[in-house]
Amino acid sequence: MVGEASVRAGPRLVEELERKVERLREARPDAIRPKVVKVIYTSLPLPGLVDVAKESGVWVLKATGDVVPLPQLS
């Protein structure tokens, strides 16, 4: 599981998370498994976050529950 926590999260946070996962895969391929759960925890999901997160397979949640459900891993 690799994630970000932010009070306000927008579509750019999904892109940043994707870049960090790729950098981690390049720098430490031994430290990361082929199947990765990407997650963002936020208090305020900004417009556009839900669509981008669904397309990218990123789980988005806040204290009251899921904003974007956990994607199925294959």
PDB file of N, CA and C in Angstrom:
ATOM      1  N   MET A   1       0.850  -1.157   0.000  1.00  0.00           N
ATOM      2  CA  MET A   1       0.000   0.000   0.000  1.00  0.00           C
ATOM      3  C   MET A   1       0.905   1.232   0.000  1.00  0.00           C
ATOM      4  N   VAL A   2       0.619   2.146  -0.911  1.00  0.00           N
ATOM      5  CA  VAL A   2       1.355   3.409  -1.007  1.00  0.00           C
ATOM      6  C   VAL A   2       0.310   4.504  -1.019  1.00  0.00           C
ATOM      7  N   GLY A   3       0.506   5.543  -0.205  1.00  0.00           N
ATOM      8  CA  GLY A   3      -0.536   6.538  -0.121  1.00  0.00           C
ATOM      9  C   GLY A   3      -0.065   7.934   0.190  1.00  0.00           C
ATOM     10  N   GLU A   4      -1.025   8.825   0.117  1.00  0.00           N
ATOM     11  CA  GLU A   4      -0.862  10.241   0.417  1.00  0.00           C
ATOM     12  C   GLU A   4      -1.978  10.643   1.365  1.00  0.00           C
ATOM     13  N   ALA A   5      -1.706  11.599   2.225  1.00  0.00           N
ATOM     14  CA  ALA A   5      -2.725  12.179   3.089  1.00  0.00           C
ATOM     15  C   ALA A   5      -2.700  13.681   2.883  1.00  0.00           C
ATOM     16  N   SER A   6      -3.890  14.254   2.707  1.00  0.00           N
ATOM     17  CA  SER A   6      -3.978  15.680   2.441  1.00  0.00           C
ATOM     18  C   SER A   6      -5.325  16.199   2.929  1.00  0.00           C
ATOM     19  N   VAL A   7      -5.332  17.417   3.461  1.00  0.00           N
ATOM     20  CA  VAL A   7      -6.593  18.012   3.890  1.00  0.00           C
ATOM     21  C   VAL A   7      -7.476  18.248   2.673  1.00  0.00           C
ATOM     22  N   ARG A   8      -6.909  18.826   1.623  1.00  0.00           N
ATOM     23  CA  ARG A   8      -7.632  19.061   0.368  1.00  0.00           C
ATOM     24  C   ARG A   8      -6.928  18.289  -0.731  1.00  0.00           C
ATOM     25  N   ALA A   9      -7.668  17.467  -1.432  1.00  0.00           N
ATOM     26  CA  ALA A   9      -7.062  16.646  -2.480  1.00  0.00           C
ATOM     27  C   ALA A   9      -7.764  16.892  -3.805  1.00  0.00           C
ATOM     28  N   GLY A  10      -6.965  17.157  -4.825  1.00  0.00           N
ATOM     29  CA  GLY A  10      -7.480  17.351  -6.166  1.00  0.00           C
ATOM     30  C   GLY A  10      -6.839  16.369  -7.128  1.00  0.00           C
ATOM     31  N   PRO A  11      -7.154  16.484  -8.407  1.00  0.00           N
ATOM     32  CA  PRO A  11      -6.615  15.564  -9.408  1.00  0.00           C
ATOM     33  C   PRO A  11      -5.088  15.533  -9.471  1.00  0.00           C
ATOM     34  N   ARG A  12      -4.437  16.637  -9.154  1.00  0.00           N
ATOM     35  CA  ARG A  12      -2.978  16.661  -9.215  1.00  0.00           C
ATOM     36  C   ARG A  12      -2.342  15.746  -8.173  1.00  0.00           C
ATOM     37  N   LEU A  13      -3.041  15.510  -7.066  1.00  0.00           N
ATOM     38  CA  LEU A  13      -2.495  14.611  -6.046  1.00  0.00           C
ATOM     39  C   LEU A  13      -2.454  13.174  -6.562  1.00  0.00           C
ATOM     40  N   VAL A  14      -3.417  12.800  -7.394  1.00  0.00           N
ATOM     41  CA  VAL A  14      -3.405  11.464  -8.009  1.00  0.00           C
ATOM     42  C   VAL A  14      -2.187  11.340  -8.920  1.00  0.00           C
ATOM     43  N   GLU A  15      -1.939  12.371  -9.714  1.00  0.00           N
ATOM     44  CA  GLU A  15      -0.781  12.359 -10.616  1.00  0.00           C
ATOM     45  C   GLU A  15       0.522  12.288  -9.822  1.00  0.00           C
ATOM     46  N   GLU A  16       0.599  13.022  -8.717  1.00  0.00           N
ATOM     47  CA  GLU A  16       1.793  12.996  -7.877  1.00  0.00           C
ATOM     48  C   GLU A  16       2.000  11.612  -7.266  1.00  0.00           C
ATOM     49  N   LEU A  17       0.930  10.991  -6.820  1.00  0.00           N
ATOM     50  CA  LEU A  17       1.010   9.644  -6.252  1.00  0.00           C
ATOM     51  C   LEU A  17       1.495   8.649  -7.306  1.00  0.00           C
ATOM     52  N   GLU A  18       0.988   8.756  -8.526  1.00  0.00           N
ATOM     53  CA  GLU A  18       1.426   7.880  -9.617  1.00  0.00           C
ATOM     54  C   GLU A  18       2.924   8.042  -9.882  1.00  0.00           C
ATOM     55  N   ARG A  19       3.407   9.286  -9.896  1.00  0.00           N
ATOM     56  CA  ARG A  19       4.842   9.541 -10.109  1.00  0.00           C
ATOM     57  C   ARG A  19       5.680   8.933  -8.998  1.00  0.00           C
ATOM     58  N   LYS A  20       5.223   9.053  -7.760  1.00  0.00           N
ATOM     59  CA  LYS A  20       5.971   8.513  -6.627  1.00  0.00           C
ATOM     60  C   LYS A  20       6.027   6.989  -6.667  1.00  0.00           C
ATOM     61  N   VAL A  21       4.938   6.359  -7.066  1.00  0.00           N
ATOM     62  CA  VAL A  21       4.935   4.898  -7.180  1.00  0.00           C
ATOM     63  C   VAL A  21       5.926   4.463  -8.262  1.00  0.00           C
ATOM     64  N   GLU A  22       5.937   5.146  -9.388  1.00  0.00           N
ATOM     65  CA  GLU A  22       6.880   4.806 -10.463  1.00  0.00           C
ATOM     66  C   GLU A  22       8.329   5.016 -10.028  1.00  0.00           C
ATOM     67  N   ARG A  23       8.601   6.118  -9.323  1.00  0.00           N
ATOM     68  CA  ARG A  23       9.958   6.362  -8.829  1.00  0.00           C
ATOM     69  C   ARG A  23      10.391   5.271  -7.859  1.00  0.00           C
ATOM     70  N   LEU A  24       9.460   4.854  -7.009  1.00  0.00           N
ATOM     71  CA  LEU A  24       9.759   3.784  -6.059  1.00  0.00           C
ATOM     72  C   LEU A  24      10.048   2.480  -6.791  1.00  0.00           C
ATOM     73  N   ARG A  25       9.273   2.184  -7.822  1.00  0.00           N
ATOM     74  CA  ARG A  25       9.509   0.963  -8.609  1.00  0.00           C
ATOM     75  C   ARG A  25      10.873   0.990  -9.282  1.00  0.00           C
ATOM     76  N   GLU A  26      11.286   2.154  -9.766  1.00  0.00           N
ATOM     77  CA  GLU A  26      12.579   2.273 -10.428  1.00  0.00           C
ATOM     78  C   GLU A  26      13.733   2.210  -9.431  1.00  0.00           C
ATOM     79  N   ALA A  27      13.589   2.899  -8.307  1.00  0.00           N
ATOM     80  CA  ALA A  27      14.675   2.993  -7.333  1.00  0.00           C
ATOM     81  C   ALA A  27      14.817   1.744  -6.479  1.00  0.00           C
ATOM     82  N   ARG A  28      13.699   1.137  -6.098  1.00  0.00           N
ATOM     83  CA  ARG A  28      13.730  -0.020  -5.197  1.00  0.00           C
ATOM     84  C   ARG A  28      12.758  -1.092  -5.662  1.00  0.00           C
ATOM     85  N   PRO A  29      13.011  -1.727  -6.784  1.00  0.00           N
ATOM     86  CA  PRO A  29      12.091  -2.755  -7.263  1.00  0.00           C
ATOM     87  C   PRO A  29      11.945  -3.926  -6.296  1.00  0.00           C
ATOM     88  N   ASP A  30      12.931  -4.132  -5.444  1.00  0.00           N
ATOM     89  CA  ASP A  30      12.859  -5.213  -4.463  1.00  0.00           C
ATOM     90  C   ASP A  30      11.924  -4.874  -3.300  1.00  0.00           C
ATOM     91  N   ALA A  31      11.614  -3.593  -3.109  1.00  0.00           N
ATOM     92  CA  ALA A  31      10.812  -3.160  -1.969  1.00  0.00           C
ATOM     93  C   ALA A  31       9.328  -3.016  -2.287  1.00  0.00           C
ATOM     94  N   ILE A  32       8.962  -3.233  -3.533  1.00  0.00           N
ATOM     95  CA  ILE A  32       7.562  -3.030  -3.913  1.00  0.00           C
ATOM     96  C   ILE A  32       7.071  -4.247  -4.688  1.00  0.00           C
ATOM     97  N   ARG A  33       5.891  -4.681  -4.372  1.00  0.00           N
ATOM     98  CA  ARG A  33       5.305  -5.853  -5.024  1.00  0.00           C
ATOM     99  C   ARG A  33       4.661  -5.452  -6.355  1.00  0.00           C
ATOM    100  N   PRO A  34       4.400  -6.426  -7.224  1.00  0.00           N
ATOM    101  CA  PRO A  34       3.762  -6.102  -8.509  1.00  0.00           C
ATOM    102  C   PRO A  34       2.365  -5.489  -8.348  1.00  0.00           C
ATOM    103  N   LYS A  35       1.623  -5.953  -7.349  1.00  0.00           N
ATOM    104  CA  LYS A  35       0.291  -5.399  -7.090  1.00  0.00           C
ATOM    105  C   LYS A  35       0.401  -4.377  -5.966  1.00  0.00           C
ATOM    106  N   VAL A  36       0.063  -3.125  -6.267  1.00  0.00           N
ATOM    107  CA  VAL A  36       0.173  -2.034  -5.311  1.00  0.00           C
ATOM    108  C   VAL A  36      -1.201  -1.404  -5.125  1.00  0.00           C
ATOM    109  N   VAL A  37      -1.592  -1.212  -3.873  1.00  0.00           N
ATOM    110  CA  VAL A  37      -2.814  -0.480  -3.565  1.00  0.00           C
ATOM    111  C   VAL A  37      -2.410   0.973  -3.370  1.00  0.00           C
ATOM    112  N   LYS A  38      -2.934   1.841  -4.239  1.00  0.00           N
ATOM    113  CA  LYS A  38      -2.654   3.270  -4.129  1.00  0.00           C
ATOM    114  C   LYS A  38      -3.842   3.921  -3.416  1.00  0.00           C
ATOM    115  N   VAL A  39      -3.559   4.723  -2.388  1.00  0.00           N
ATOM    116  CA  VAL A  39      -4.622   5.280  -1.563  1.00  0.00           C
ATOM    117  C   VAL A  39      -4.364   6.751  -1.255  1.00  0.00           C
ATOM    118  N   ILE A  40      -5.451   7.516  -1.218  1.00  0.00           N
ATOM    119  CA  ILE A  40      -5.404   8.922  -0.805  1.00  0.00           C
ATOM    120  C   ILE A  40      -6.422   9.092   0.308  1.00  0.00           C
ATOM    121  N   TYR A  41      -5.961   9.645   1.433  1.00  0.00           N
ATOM    122  CA  TYR A  41      -6.844   9.970   2.548  1.00  0.00           C
ATOM    123  C   TYR A  41      -6.973  11.479   2.581  1.00  0.00           C
ATOM    124  N   THR A  42      -8.211  11.993   2.593  1.00  0.00           N
ATOM    125  CA  THR A  42      -8.437  13.427   2.545  1.00  0.00           C
ATOM    126  C   THR A  42      -9.658  13.825   3.357  1.00  0.00           C
ATOM    127  N   SER A  43      -9.681  15.064   3.774  1.00  0.00           N
ATOM    128  CA  SER A  43     -10.857  15.613   4.446  1.00  0.00           C
ATOM    129  C   SER A  43     -11.805  16.237   3.434  1.00  0.00           C
ATOM    130  N   LEU A  44     -11.230  16.822   2.379  1.00  0.00           N
ATOM    131  CA  LEU A  44     -12.030  17.521   1.387  1.00  0.00           C
ATOM    132  C   LEU A  44     -11.611  17.110  -0.026  1.00  0.00           C
ATOM    133  N   PRO A  45     -12.362  16.198  -0.653  1.00  0.00           N
ATOM    134  CA  PRO A  45     -12.047  15.846  -2.043  1.00  0.00           C
ATOM    135  C   PRO A  45     -12.527  16.954  -2.988  1.00  0.00           C
ATOM    136  N   LEU A  46     -11.622  17.545  -3.720  1.00  0.00           N
ATOM    137  CA  LEU A  46     -11.954  18.636  -4.636  1.00  0.00           C
ATOM    138  C   LEU A  46     -12.552  18.098  -5.933  1.00  0.00           C
ATOM    139  N   PRO A  47     -13.264  18.959  -6.686  1.00  0.00           N
ATOM    140  CA  PRO A  47     -13.873  18.515  -7.946  1.00  0.00           C
ATOM    141  C   PRO A  47     -12.835  17.918  -8.889  1.00  0.00           C
ATOM    142  N   GLY A  48     -13.214  16.855  -9.549  1.00  0.00           N
ATOM    143  CA  GLY A  48     -12.348  16.190 -10.502  1.00  0.00           C
ATOM    144  C   GLY A  48     -11.547  15.047  -9.905  1.00  0.00           C
ATOM    145  N   LEU A  49     -11.393  15.030  -8.600  1.00  0.00           N
ATOM    146  CA  LEU A  49     -10.602  13.980  -7.959  1.00  0.00           C
ATOM    147  C   LEU A  49     -11.220  12.609  -8.179  1.00  0.00           C
ATOM    148  N   VAL A  50     -12.519  12.497  -8.025  1.00  0.00           N
ATOM    149  CA  VAL A  50     -13.191  11.202  -8.123  1.00  0.00           C
ATOM    150  C   VAL A  50     -12.978  10.581  -9.502  1.00  0.00           C
ATOM    151  N   ASP A  51     -13.175  11.348 -10.553  1.00  0.00           N
ATOM    152  CA  ASP A  51     -13.028  10.818 -11.915  1.00  0.00           C
ATOM    153  C   ASP A  51     -11.598  10.364 -12.195  1.00  0.00           C
ATOM    154  N   VAL A  52     -10.631  11.190 -11.834  1.00  0.00           N
ATOM    155  CA  VAL A  52      -9.229  10.855 -12.090  1.00  0.00           C
ATOM    156  C   VAL A  52      -8.806   9.645 -11.256  1.00  0.00           C
ATOM    157  N   ALA A  53      -9.263   9.584 -10.010  1.00  0.00           N
ATOM    158  CA  ALA A  53      -8.903   8.462  -9.141  1.00  0.00           C
ATOM    159  C   ALA A  53      -9.492   7.158  -9.664  1.00  0.00           C
ATOM    160  N   LYS A  54     -10.729   7.172 -10.132  1.00  0.00           N
ATOM    161  CA  LYS A  54     -11.344   5.961 -10.684  1.00  0.00           C
ATOM    162  C   LYS A  54     -10.581   5.479 -11.903  1.00  0.00           C
ATOM    163  N   GLU A  55     -10.200   6.397 -12.784  1.00  0.00           N
ATOM    164  CA  GLU A  55      -9.449   6.038 -13.992  1.00  0.00           C
ATOM    165  C   GLU A  55      -8.086   5.447 -13.643  1.00  0.00           C
ATOM    166  N   SER A  56      -7.466   5.960 -12.582  1.00  0.00           N
ATOM    167  CA  SER A  56      -6.121   5.528 -12.207  1.00  0.00           C
ATOM    168  C   SER A  56      -6.103   4.361 -11.230  1.00  0.00           C
ATOM    169  N   GLY A  57      -7.252   3.960 -10.739  1.00  0.00           N
ATOM    170  CA  GLY A  57      -7.306   2.860  -9.788  1.00  0.00           C
ATOM    171  C   GLY A  57      -6.790   3.235  -8.417  1.00  0.00           C
ATOM    172  N   VAL A  58      -7.102   4.459  -7.984  1.00  0.00           N
ATOM    173  CA  VAL A  58      -6.657   4.951  -6.684  1.00  0.00           C
ATOM    174  C   VAL A  58      -7.843   4.940  -5.727  1.00  0.00           C
ATOM    175  N   TRP A  59      -7.649   4.370  -4.558  1.00  0.00           N
ATOM    176  CA  TRP A  59      -8.663   4.322  -3.508  1.00  0.00           C
ATOM    177  C   TRP A  59      -8.640   5.658  -2.781  1.00  0.00           C
ATOM    178  N   VAL A  60      -9.777   6.336  -2.705  1.00  0.00           N
ATOM    179  CA  VAL A  60      -9.872   7.623  -2.018  1.00  0.00           C
ATOM    180  C   VAL A  60     -10.857   7.473  -0.869  1.00  0.00           C
ATOM    181  N   LEU A  61     -10.421   7.877   0.313  1.00  0.00           N
ATOM    182  CA  LEU A  61     -11.310   7.795   1.462  1.00  0.00           C
ATOM    183  C   LEU A  61     -11.145   8.999   2.367  1.00  0.00           C
ATOM    184  N   LYS A  62     -12.173   9.215   3.190  1.00  0.00           N
ATOM    185  CA  LYS A  62     -12.126  10.236   4.220  1.00  0.00           C
ATOM    186  C   LYS A  62     -12.699   9.619   5.491  1.00  0.00           C
ATOM    187  N   ALA A  63     -12.739  10.368   6.555  1.00  0.00           N
ATOM    188  CA  ALA A  63     -13.111   9.826   7.862  1.00  0.00           C
ATOM    189  C   ALA A  63     -14.500   9.182   7.860  1.00  0.00           C
ATOM    190  N   THR A  64     -15.395   9.660   7.034  1.00  0.00           N
ATOM    191  CA  THR A  64     -16.761   9.141   7.028  1.00  0.00           C
ATOM    192  C   THR A  64     -16.962   7.956   6.098  1.00  0.00           C
ATOM    193  N   GLY A  65     -15.949   7.590   5.313  1.00  0.00           N
ATOM    194  CA  GLY A  65     -16.076   6.433   4.429  1.00  0.00           C
ATOM    195  C   GLY A  65     -15.363   6.628   3.110  1.00  0.00           C
ATOM    196  N   ASP A  66     -15.601   5.688   2.211  1.00  0.00           N
ATOM    197  CA  ASP A  66     -14.967   5.720   0.891  1.00  0.00           C
ATOM    198  C   ASP A  66     -15.563   6.815   0.019  1.00  0.00           C
ATOM    199  N   VAL A  67     -14.702   7.522  -0.695  1.00  0.00           N
ATOM    200  CA  VAL A  67     -15.130   8.452  -1.735  1.00  0.00           C
ATOM    201  C   VAL A  67     -15.058   7.712  -3.066  1.00  0.00           C
ATOM    202  N   VAL A  68     -13.976   6.988  -3.279  1.00  0.00           N
ATOM    203  CA  VAL A  68     -13.801   6.077  -4.411  1.00  0.00           C
ATOM    204  C   VAL A  68     -13.483   4.718  -3.793  1.00  0.00           C
ATOM    205  N   PRO A  69     -14.268   3.685  -4.096  1.00  0.00           N
ATOM    206  CA  PRO A  69     -14.046   2.397  -3.454  1.00  0.00           C
ATOM    207  C   PRO A  69     -12.699   1.773  -3.822  1.00  0.00           C
ATOM    208  N   LEU A  70     -12.264   0.852  -2.991  1.00  0.00           N
ATOM    209  CA  LEU A  70     -11.030   0.112  -3.223  1.00  0.00           C
ATOM    210  C   LEU A  70     -11.140  -0.648  -4.528  1.00  0.00           C
ATOM    211  N   PRO A  71     -10.227  -0.393  -5.488  1.00  0.00           N
ATOM    212  CA  PRO A  71     -10.293  -1.098  -6.768  1.00  0.00           C
ATOM    213  C   PRO A  71      -9.962  -2.584  -6.598  1.00  0.00           C
ATOM    214  N   GLN A  72     -10.523  -3.402  -7.463  1.00  0.00           N
ATOM    215  CA  GLN A  72     -10.235  -4.836  -7.456  1.00  0.00           C
ATOM    216  C   GLN A  72      -8.835  -5.062  -8.012  1.00  0.00           C
ATOM    217  N   LEU A  73      -8.039  -5.823  -7.310  1.00  0.00           N
ATOM    218  CA  LEU A  73      -6.694  -6.138  -7.779  1.00  0.00           C
ATOM    219  C   LEU A  73      -6.759  -7.422  -8.593  1.00  0.00           C
ATOM    220  N   SER A  74      -6.086  -7.412  -9.720  1.00  0.00           N
ATOM    221  CA  SER A  74      -6.078  -8.613 -10.554  1.00  0.00           C
ATOM    222  C   SER A  74      -4.698  -9.173 -10.697  1.00  0.00           C
TER     223      SER A  74
END
